[in-house]
Every structure is written in C-alpha cells, then in structure tokens.
C-alpha cells in the first residue's frame, strides 16, 4: 500500500519539527519535506506531496491570501489547514479557495491523521468542534450566544470573498469602483473580527499588513 506523501509548512521551526516527528511515526505517512511558510508557494512544486499540511499561526487575512495563492499554484492539491480560528465565516472562505481540510489546534493526533487520510481520498474534513457554528452559518441562524463571533456586513463579505481568490485591496477597490481606503477599512474591520478568536487583543491593522 503506497504511503501518503506529506509536506509540512509552518512559520515556526519547532512546529515543523514537532509535526514531522509525529507524522513520521505513522505507518502510512511519508514526510517528504518541511518548509517555512514564507517559501511554501514558491517551493510547492518541488516535493510533489499528496497532502500539504499547513499550520497558520495568524489565521487572518494573510492566511486566507496564502491559501488562495497556494491553490492557484497547485490547484489539484489536497491541503489541510491547522489553526485556532473558529470563526465559521473564515472557515467557509478558506474552504472556498479549494482547501479540503480544516483542523483546530485542539485536535487529537488521531483526528489529524483522519483529516489527512480523508482529504487524500478527495473528500473534505472540517474539525468536528466546528459543527454547531458551521450549521448556524448554513441555516442562517444568528450566533447570539457567541459574542466572540463577528457577523459580517455586506461589504466585509464581499472583501472576504475577493481576498479568498487572491486579490489585493487595490484590485478589489478597482473592481467595485470605490477608493482603496474604503476597502482597507472593510478589511481592517474584518481582520479585527478574525483576530478576536485567535488573540487576547485585537492587532493593529495597517495597509501594509493587508497587502502582505
């Protein structure tokens, strides 16, 4: 039985090493490489993995753009995202890029193994801890009991969709016929809501951060 070839990507050496050590001990996995997140898209074609395992420390707009760029570079790739972001709108946008797997950092080892095997077979995997919030999103049920989940405005939803396809704020502004500042304002508002679930404090939002 052929092994599933895995490429691990993270901005942190200690995370790449830990994941590599963990997955190398699984009988049907073959870790073919470990790369820095900053070099992932550029080196994506060098390892020919079956599954990309991508750990996002800051799963905000940068993470969304990274996912979109990776899926453009390797459109048939099976990608699993590991993150702590539980915002259902963000999960939906990540999956819209073509990513197949979404795993929370609180997942057990066997759940990560299952996610890898499922996306390898061409199916989607969403962390089971997200089932209630995803169901609320699909049913249009307001998450009134979740003060940490930000409901998006129409403009923020438009910006999120465009970022998910890899567009910059300048390109989005041109598409909608509005100023760059208008789009940056919507993106900053969106970023604040995204980071609310991943940090104890909202991070500063700047134009340079949005474009990176």
C-alpha atoms as a PDB file:
ATOM      1  CA  UNK A   1       0.000   0.000   0.000  1.00  0.00           C
ATOM      2  CA  UNK A   2       1.557   3.341  -1.057  1.00  0.00           C
ATOM      3  CA  UNK A   3       2.248   5.861   1.664  1.00  0.00           C
ATOM      4  CA  UNK A   4       0.662   9.317   1.709  1.00  0.00           C
ATOM      5  CA  UNK A   5       3.352  11.868   0.901  1.00  0.00           C
ATOM      6  CA  UNK A   6       3.180  14.891   3.211  1.00  0.00           C
ATOM      7  CA  UNK A   7       4.712  18.353   3.008  1.00  0.00           C
ATOM      8  CA  UNK A   8       4.647  20.284   6.302  1.00  0.00           C
ATOM      9  CA  UNK A   9       4.627  24.091   6.280  1.00  0.00           C
ATOM     10  CA  UNK A  10       4.773  26.470   9.246  1.00  0.00           C
ATOM     11  CA  UNK A  11       6.387  29.779  10.127  1.00  0.00           C
ATOM     12  CA  UNK A  12       7.969  28.138  13.175  1.00  0.00           C
ATOM     13  CA  UNK A  13      10.783  25.573  13.110  1.00  0.00           C
ATOM     14  CA  UNK A  14       9.648  23.996  16.382  1.00  0.00           C
ATOM     15  CA  UNK A  15       6.159  23.374  14.940  1.00  0.00           C
ATOM     16  CA  UNK A  16       7.517  21.881  11.711  1.00  0.00           C
ATOM     17  CA  UNK A  17       9.860  19.640  13.688  1.00  0.00           C
ATOM     18  CA  UNK A  18       7.151  18.505  16.108  1.00  0.00           C
ATOM     19  CA  UNK A  19       4.673  17.723  13.332  1.00  0.00           C
ATOM     20  CA  UNK A  20       7.366  15.974  11.320  1.00  0.00           C
ATOM     21  CA  UNK A  21       8.379  13.801  14.263  1.00  0.00           C
ATOM     22  CA  UNK A  22       4.753  12.950  14.985  1.00  0.00           C
ATOM     23  CA  UNK A  23       3.794  12.064  11.419  1.00  0.00           C
ATOM     24  CA  UNK A  24       6.969  10.133  10.599  1.00  0.00           C
ATOM     25  CA  UNK A  25       5.868   7.643  13.219  1.00  0.00           C
ATOM     26  CA  UNK A  26       2.636   6.822  11.368  1.00  0.00           C
ATOM     27  CA  UNK A  27       2.877   3.725   9.189  1.00  0.00           C
ATOM     28  CA  UNK A  28       1.042   5.032   6.094  1.00  0.00           C
ATOM     29  CA  UNK A  29       2.602   8.529   6.068  1.00  0.00           C
ATOM     30  CA  UNK A  30       5.801   9.681   4.349  1.00  0.00           C
ATOM     31  CA  UNK A  31       7.012  13.187   5.268  1.00  0.00           C
ATOM     32  CA  UNK A  32       8.764  14.409   2.112  1.00  0.00           C
ATOM     33  CA  UNK A  33       9.651  17.879   3.339  1.00  0.00           C
ATOM     34  CA  UNK A  34       9.306  20.656   5.906  1.00  0.00           C
ATOM     35  CA  UNK A  35       9.259  24.263   4.661  1.00  0.00           C
ATOM     36  CA  UNK A  36       8.903  27.738   6.060  1.00  0.00           C
ATOM     37  CA  UNK A  37       5.501  29.256   5.404  1.00  0.00           C
ATOM     38  CA  UNK A  38       7.108  32.185   3.592  1.00  0.00           C
ATOM     39  CA  UNK A  39       8.541  29.803   0.966  1.00  0.00           C
ATOM     40  CA  UNK A  40       5.562  27.469   0.629  1.00  0.00           C
ATOM     41  CA  UNK A  41       4.021  28.782  -2.590  1.00  0.00           C
ATOM     42  CA  UNK A  42       7.387  29.220  -4.307  1.00  0.00           C
ATOM     43  CA  UNK A  43       8.547  25.679  -3.443  1.00  0.00           C
ATOM     44  CA  UNK A  44       5.170  23.938  -3.712  1.00  0.00           C
ATOM     45  CA  UNK A  45       6.081  22.161  -6.951  1.00  0.00           C
ATOM     46  CA  UNK A  46       9.408  20.765  -5.756  1.00  0.00           C
ATOM     47  CA  UNK A  47       8.217  17.996  -3.425  1.00  0.00           C
ATOM     48  CA  UNK A  48       5.156  16.539  -5.235  1.00  0.00           C
ATOM     49  CA  UNK A  49       3.292  15.766  -1.994  1.00  0.00           C
ATOM     50  CA  UNK A  50      -0.090  14.104  -1.861  1.00  0.00           C
ATOM     51  CA  UNK A  51      -1.141  16.377   1.009  1.00  0.00           C
ATOM     52  CA  UNK A  52       0.042  19.807   2.121  1.00  0.00           C
ATOM     53  CA  UNK A  53      -0.173  20.241   5.904  1.00  0.00           C
ATOM     54  CA  UNK A  54      -0.167  24.000   6.592  1.00  0.00           C
ATOM     55  CA  UNK A  55      -0.044  25.411  10.124  1.00  0.00           C
ATOM     56  CA  UNK A  56      -1.277  29.004  10.299  1.00  0.00           C
ATOM     57  CA  UNK A  57      -0.201  30.865  13.427  1.00  0.00           C
ATOM     58  CA  UNK A  58      -2.021  34.022  12.323  1.00  0.00           C
ATOM     59  CA  UNK A  59      -5.091  32.724  10.561  1.00  0.00           C
ATOM     60  CA  UNK A  60      -6.343  36.108   9.433  1.00  0.00           C
ATOM     61  CA  UNK A  61      -6.289  37.814   6.045  1.00  0.00           C
ATOM     62  CA  UNK A  62      -2.684  36.795   5.413  1.00  0.00           C
ATOM     63  CA  UNK A  63      -3.576  33.164   5.980  1.00  0.00           C
ATOM     64  CA  UNK A  64      -6.539  33.446   3.642  1.00  0.00           C
ATOM     65  CA  UNK A  65      -4.410  35.013   0.924  1.00  0.00           C
ATOM     66  CA  UNK A  66      -1.730  32.337   1.407  1.00  0.00           C
ATOM     67  CA  UNK A  67      -4.330  29.609   0.940  1.00  0.00           C
ATOM     68  CA  UNK A  68      -5.651  31.295  -2.202  1.00  0.00           C
ATOM     69  CA  UNK A  69      -2.140  31.666  -3.663  1.00  0.00           C
ATOM     70  CA  UNK A  70      -1.244  28.055  -2.849  1.00  0.00           C
ATOM     71  CA  UNK A  71      -4.383  26.735  -4.514  1.00  0.00           C
ATOM     72  CA  UNK A  72      -3.648  28.844  -7.609  1.00  0.00           C
ATOM     73  CA  UNK A  73      -0.124  27.407  -7.754  1.00  0.00           C
ATOM     74  CA  UNK A  74      -1.248  23.788  -7.244  1.00  0.00           C
ATOM     75  CA  UNK A  75      -4.994  23.755  -7.992  1.00  0.00           C
ATOM     76  CA  UNK A  76      -5.378  19.987  -7.566  1.00  0.00           C
ATOM     77  CA  UNK A  77      -3.548  19.869  -4.248  1.00  0.00           C
ATOM     78  CA  UNK A  78      -5.036  18.343  -1.124  1.00  0.00           C
ATOM     79  CA  UNK A  79      -4.449  20.907   1.632  1.00  0.00           C
ATOM     80  CA  UNK A  80      -5.095  20.639   5.372  1.00  0.00           C
ATOM     81  CA  UNK A  81      -5.032  23.840   7.419  1.00  0.00           C
ATOM     82  CA  UNK A  82      -4.159  23.666  11.135  1.00  0.00           C
ATOM     83  CA  UNK A  83      -5.250  26.738  13.083  1.00  0.00           C
ATOM     84  CA  UNK A  84      -7.024  28.008  16.195  1.00  0.00           C
ATOM     85  CA  UNK A  85      -9.508  30.190  14.303  1.00  0.00           C
ATOM     86  CA  UNK A  86     -13.084  29.007  14.902  1.00  0.00           C
ATOM     87  CA  UNK A  87     -14.884  31.787  13.019  1.00  0.00           C
ATOM     88  CA  UNK A  88     -17.327  29.971  10.662  1.00  0.00           C
ATOM     89  CA  UNK A  89     -17.173  32.738   8.044  1.00  0.00           C
ATOM     90  CA  UNK A  90     -13.399  32.353   7.939  1.00  0.00           C
ATOM     91  CA  UNK A  91     -13.690  28.565   7.670  1.00  0.00           C
ATOM     92  CA  UNK A  92     -16.095  28.981   4.750  1.00  0.00           C
ATOM     93  CA  UNK A  93     -13.740  31.401   2.985  1.00  0.00           C
ATOM     94  CA  UNK A  94     -10.726  29.116   3.463  1.00  0.00           C
ATOM     95  CA  UNK A  95     -12.645  26.156   2.026  1.00  0.00           C
ATOM     96  CA  UNK A  96     -13.812  28.332  -0.878  1.00  0.00           C
ATOM     97  CA  UNK A  97     -10.186  28.638  -2.021  1.00  0.00           C
ATOM     98  CA  UNK A  98     -10.105  24.866  -2.618  1.00  0.00           C
ATOM     99  CA  UNK A  99      -8.596  23.798   0.706  1.00  0.00           C
ATOM    100  CA  UNK A 100     -10.069  20.430   1.714  1.00  0.00           C
ATOM    101  CA  UNK A 101      -9.179  20.129   5.403  1.00  0.00           C
ATOM    102  CA  UNK A 102      -9.619  22.442   8.392  1.00  0.00           C
ATOM    103  CA  UNK A 103      -8.256  21.201  11.726  1.00  0.00           C
ATOM    104  CA  UNK A 104      -8.151  23.075  15.032  1.00  0.00           C
ATOM    105  CA  UNK A 105      -5.010  23.040  17.161  1.00  0.00           C
ATOM    106  CA  UNK A 106      -7.008  21.386  19.926  1.00  0.00           C
ATOM    107  CA  UNK A 107      -7.476  18.285  17.751  1.00  0.00           C
ATOM    108  CA  UNK A 108      -6.179  14.933  18.934  1.00  0.00           C
ATOM    109  CA  UNK A 109      -3.427  13.191  16.998  1.00  0.00           C
ATOM    110  CA  UNK A 110      -5.823  10.562  15.626  1.00  0.00           C
ATOM    111  CA  UNK A 111      -8.142  13.337  14.378  1.00  0.00           C
ATOM    112  CA  UNK A 112      -5.261  14.897  12.442  1.00  0.00           C
ATOM    113  CA  UNK A 113      -4.415  11.501  10.937  1.00  0.00           C
ATOM    114  CA  UNK A 114      -8.054  11.057   9.929  1.00  0.00           C
ATOM    115  CA  UNK A 115      -8.139  14.520   8.307  1.00  0.00           C
ATOM    116  CA  UNK A 116      -5.051  13.714   6.229  1.00  0.00           C
ATOM    117  CA  UNK A 117      -6.463  10.387   5.048  1.00  0.00           C
ATOM    118  CA  UNK A 118      -9.857  11.878   4.205  1.00  0.00           C
ATOM    119  CA  UNK A 119      -8.511  14.752   2.086  1.00  0.00           C
ATOM    120  CA  UNK A 120      -6.109  12.336   0.395  1.00  0.00           C
ATOM    121  CA  UNK A 121      -9.174  10.405  -0.775  1.00  0.00           C
ATOM    122  CA  UNK A 122     -10.606  13.580  -2.292  1.00  0.00           C
ATOM    123  CA  UNK A 123     -13.127  14.440   0.406  1.00  0.00           C
ATOM    124  CA  UNK A 124     -13.405  17.390   2.799  1.00  0.00           C
ATOM    125  CA  UNK A 125     -12.675  17.339   6.522  1.00  0.00           C
ATOM    126  CA  UNK A 126     -13.882  20.011   8.951  1.00  0.00           C
ATOM    127  CA  UNK A 127     -12.965  19.762  12.616  1.00  0.00           C
ATOM    128  CA  UNK A 128     -15.999  18.309  14.451  1.00  0.00           C
ATOM    129  CA  UNK A 129     -15.762  21.067  17.084  1.00  0.00           C
ATOM    130  CA  UNK A 130     -16.947  23.464  14.397  1.00  0.00           C
ATOM    131  CA  UNK A 131     -20.122  21.530  13.555  1.00  0.00           C
ATOM    132  CA  UNK A 132     -22.504  23.774  15.523  1.00  0.00           C
ATOM    133  CA  UNK A 133     -21.131  27.065  14.198  1.00  0.00           C
ATOM    134  CA  UNK A 134     -20.997  25.756  10.620  1.00  0.00           C
ATOM    135  CA  UNK A 135     -24.592  24.556  10.935  1.00  0.00           C
ATOM    136  CA  UNK A 136     -25.619  28.007  12.214  1.00  0.00           C
ATOM    137  CA  UNK A 137     -23.899  29.579   9.216  1.00  0.00           C
ATOM    138  CA  UNK A 138     -25.604  27.245   6.732  1.00  0.00           C
ATOM    139  CA  UNK A 139     -29.012  27.736   8.336  1.00  0.00           C
ATOM    140  CA  UNK A 140     -28.590  31.475   8.710  1.00  0.00           C
ATOM    141  CA  UNK A 141     -29.038  31.186  12.469  1.00  0.00           C
ATOM    142  CA  UNK A 142     -27.645  34.198  14.350  1.00  0.00           C
ATOM    143  CA  UNK A 143     -24.896  33.158  16.741  1.00  0.00           C
ATOM    144  CA  UNK A 144     -26.317  35.338  19.523  1.00  0.00           C
ATOM    145  CA  UNK A 145     -24.817  33.160  22.195  1.00  0.00           C
ATOM    146  CA  UNK A 146     -21.343  33.592  20.736  1.00  0.00           C
ATOM    147  CA  UNK A 147     -20.175  37.173  21.441  1.00  0.00           C
ATOM    148  CA  UNK A 148     -16.750  36.297  20.030  1.00  0.00           C
ATOM    149  CA  UNK A 149     -18.156  35.552  16.553  1.00  0.00           C
ATOM    150  CA  UNK A 150     -18.365  38.646  14.396  1.00  0.00           C
ATOM    151  CA  UNK A 151     -21.271  38.880  11.936  1.00  0.00           C
ATOM    152  CA  UNK A 152     -20.059  40.319   8.651  1.00  0.00           C
ATOM    153  CA  UNK A 153     -21.508  43.306   6.861  1.00  0.00           C
ATOM    154  CA  UNK A 154     -22.253  43.102   3.143  1.00  0.00           C
ATOM    155  CA  UNK A 155     -19.083  44.976   2.264  1.00  0.00           C
ATOM    156  CA  UNK A 156     -16.946  42.807   4.560  1.00  0.00           C
ATOM    157  CA  UNK A 157     -18.404  39.677   2.971  1.00  0.00           C
ATOM    158  CA  UNK A 158     -17.532  40.992  -0.495  1.00  0.00           C
ATOM    159  CA  UNK A 159     -13.984  41.829   0.591  1.00  0.00           C
ATOM    160  CA  UNK A 160     -13.550  38.419   2.227  1.00  0.00           C
ATOM    161  CA  UNK A 161     -14.654  36.625  -0.960  1.00  0.00           C
ATOM    162  CA  UNK A 162     -12.261  38.648  -3.106  1.00  0.00           C
ATOM    163  CA  UNK A 163      -9.329  38.108  -0.747  1.00  0.00           C
ATOM    164  CA  UNK A 164     -10.109  34.379  -0.861  1.00  0.00           C
ATOM    165  CA  UNK A 165      -9.492  34.487  -4.608  1.00  0.00           C
ATOM    166  CA  UNK A 166      -6.121  36.190  -4.083  1.00  0.00           C
ATOM    167  CA  UNK A 167      -6.975  39.816  -4.965  1.00  0.00           C
ATOM    168  CA  UNK A 168      -5.191  42.725  -3.238  1.00  0.00           C
ATOM    169  CA  UNK A 169      -7.094  45.624  -1.687  1.00  0.00           C
ATOM    170  CA  UNK A 170      -6.144  47.814  -4.671  1.00  0.00           C
ATOM    171  CA  UNK A 171      -7.572  45.295  -7.131  1.00  0.00           C
ATOM    172  CA  UNK A 172     -10.733  44.893  -5.060  1.00  0.00           C
ATOM    173  CA  UNK A 173     -11.217  48.674  -4.892  1.00  0.00           C
ATOM    174  CA  UNK A 174     -10.874  48.898  -8.662  1.00  0.00           C
ATOM    175  CA  UNK A 175     -13.379  46.069  -9.191  1.00  0.00           C
ATOM    176  CA  UNK A 176     -16.061  47.708  -7.021  1.00  0.00           C
ATOM    177  CA  UNK A 177     -15.324  51.252  -8.148  1.00  0.00           C
ATOM    178  CA  UNK A 178     -14.546  52.574  -4.674  1.00  0.00           C
ATOM    179  CA  UNK A 179     -11.469  54.036  -3.017  1.00  0.00           C
ATOM    180  CA  UNK A 180      -8.647  51.894  -1.667  1.00  0.00           C
ATOM    181  CA  UNK A 181      -9.303  53.407   1.781  1.00  0.00           C
ATOM    182  CA  UNK A 182     -12.902  52.145   1.683  1.00  0.00           C
ATOM    183  CA  UNK A 183     -11.727  48.588   1.011  1.00  0.00           C
ATOM    184  CA  UNK A 184      -8.929  48.863   3.571  1.00  0.00           C
ATOM    185  CA  UNK A 185     -11.477  49.997   6.145  1.00  0.00           C
ATOM    186  CA  UNK A 186     -13.683  46.974   5.464  1.00  0.00           C
ATOM    187  CA  UNK A 187     -10.655  44.677   5.512  1.00  0.00           C
ATOM    188  CA  UNK A 188      -9.437  46.132   8.816  1.00  0.00           C
ATOM    189  CA  UNK A 189     -12.869  45.658  10.345  1.00  0.00           C
ATOM    190  CA  UNK A 190     -12.872  42.090   9.054  1.00  0.00           C
ATOM    191  CA  UNK A 191      -9.349  41.461  10.380  1.00  0.00           C
ATOM    192  CA  UNK A 192     -10.364  42.670  13.828  1.00  0.00           C
ATOM    193  CA  UNK A 193     -13.188  40.141  13.905  1.00  0.00           C
ATOM    194  CA  UNK A 194     -10.949  37.347  12.638  1.00  0.00           C
ATOM    195  CA  UNK A 195      -8.230  38.021  15.208  1.00  0.00           C
ATOM    196  CA  UNK A 196     -10.784  38.207  18.023  1.00  0.00           C
ATOM    197  CA  UNK A 197     -10.845  34.415  18.055  1.00  0.00           C
ATOM    198  CA  UNK A 198      -7.083  33.948  17.826  1.00  0.00           C
ATOM    199  CA  UNK A 199      -5.635  36.582  20.143  1.00  0.00           C
ATOM    200  CA  UNK A 200      -6.354  38.131  23.517  1.00  0.00           C
ATOM    201  CA  UNK A 201      -6.203  41.573  21.948  1.00  0.00           C
ATOM    202  CA  UNK A 202      -7.049  42.965  18.520  1.00  0.00           C
ATOM    203  CA  UNK A 203      -3.908  43.549  16.474  1.00  0.00           C
ATOM    204  CA  UNK A 204      -3.236  46.798  14.682  1.00  0.00           C
ATOM    205  CA  UNK A 205      -4.412  46.839  11.091  1.00  0.00           C
ATOM    206  CA  UNK A 206      -2.315  48.651   8.520  1.00  0.00           C
ATOM    207  CA  UNK A 207      -2.366  48.917   4.739  1.00  0.00           C
ATOM    208  CA  UNK A 208       1.000  47.159   4.511  1.00  0.00           C
ATOM    209  CA  UNK A 209      -0.259  44.272   6.616  1.00  0.00           C
ATOM    210  CA  UNK A 210      -3.294  43.843   4.405  1.00  0.00           C
ATOM    211  CA  UNK A 211      -1.232  43.687   1.243  1.00  0.00           C
ATOM    212  CA  UNK A 212       1.388  41.256   2.547  1.00  0.00           C
END
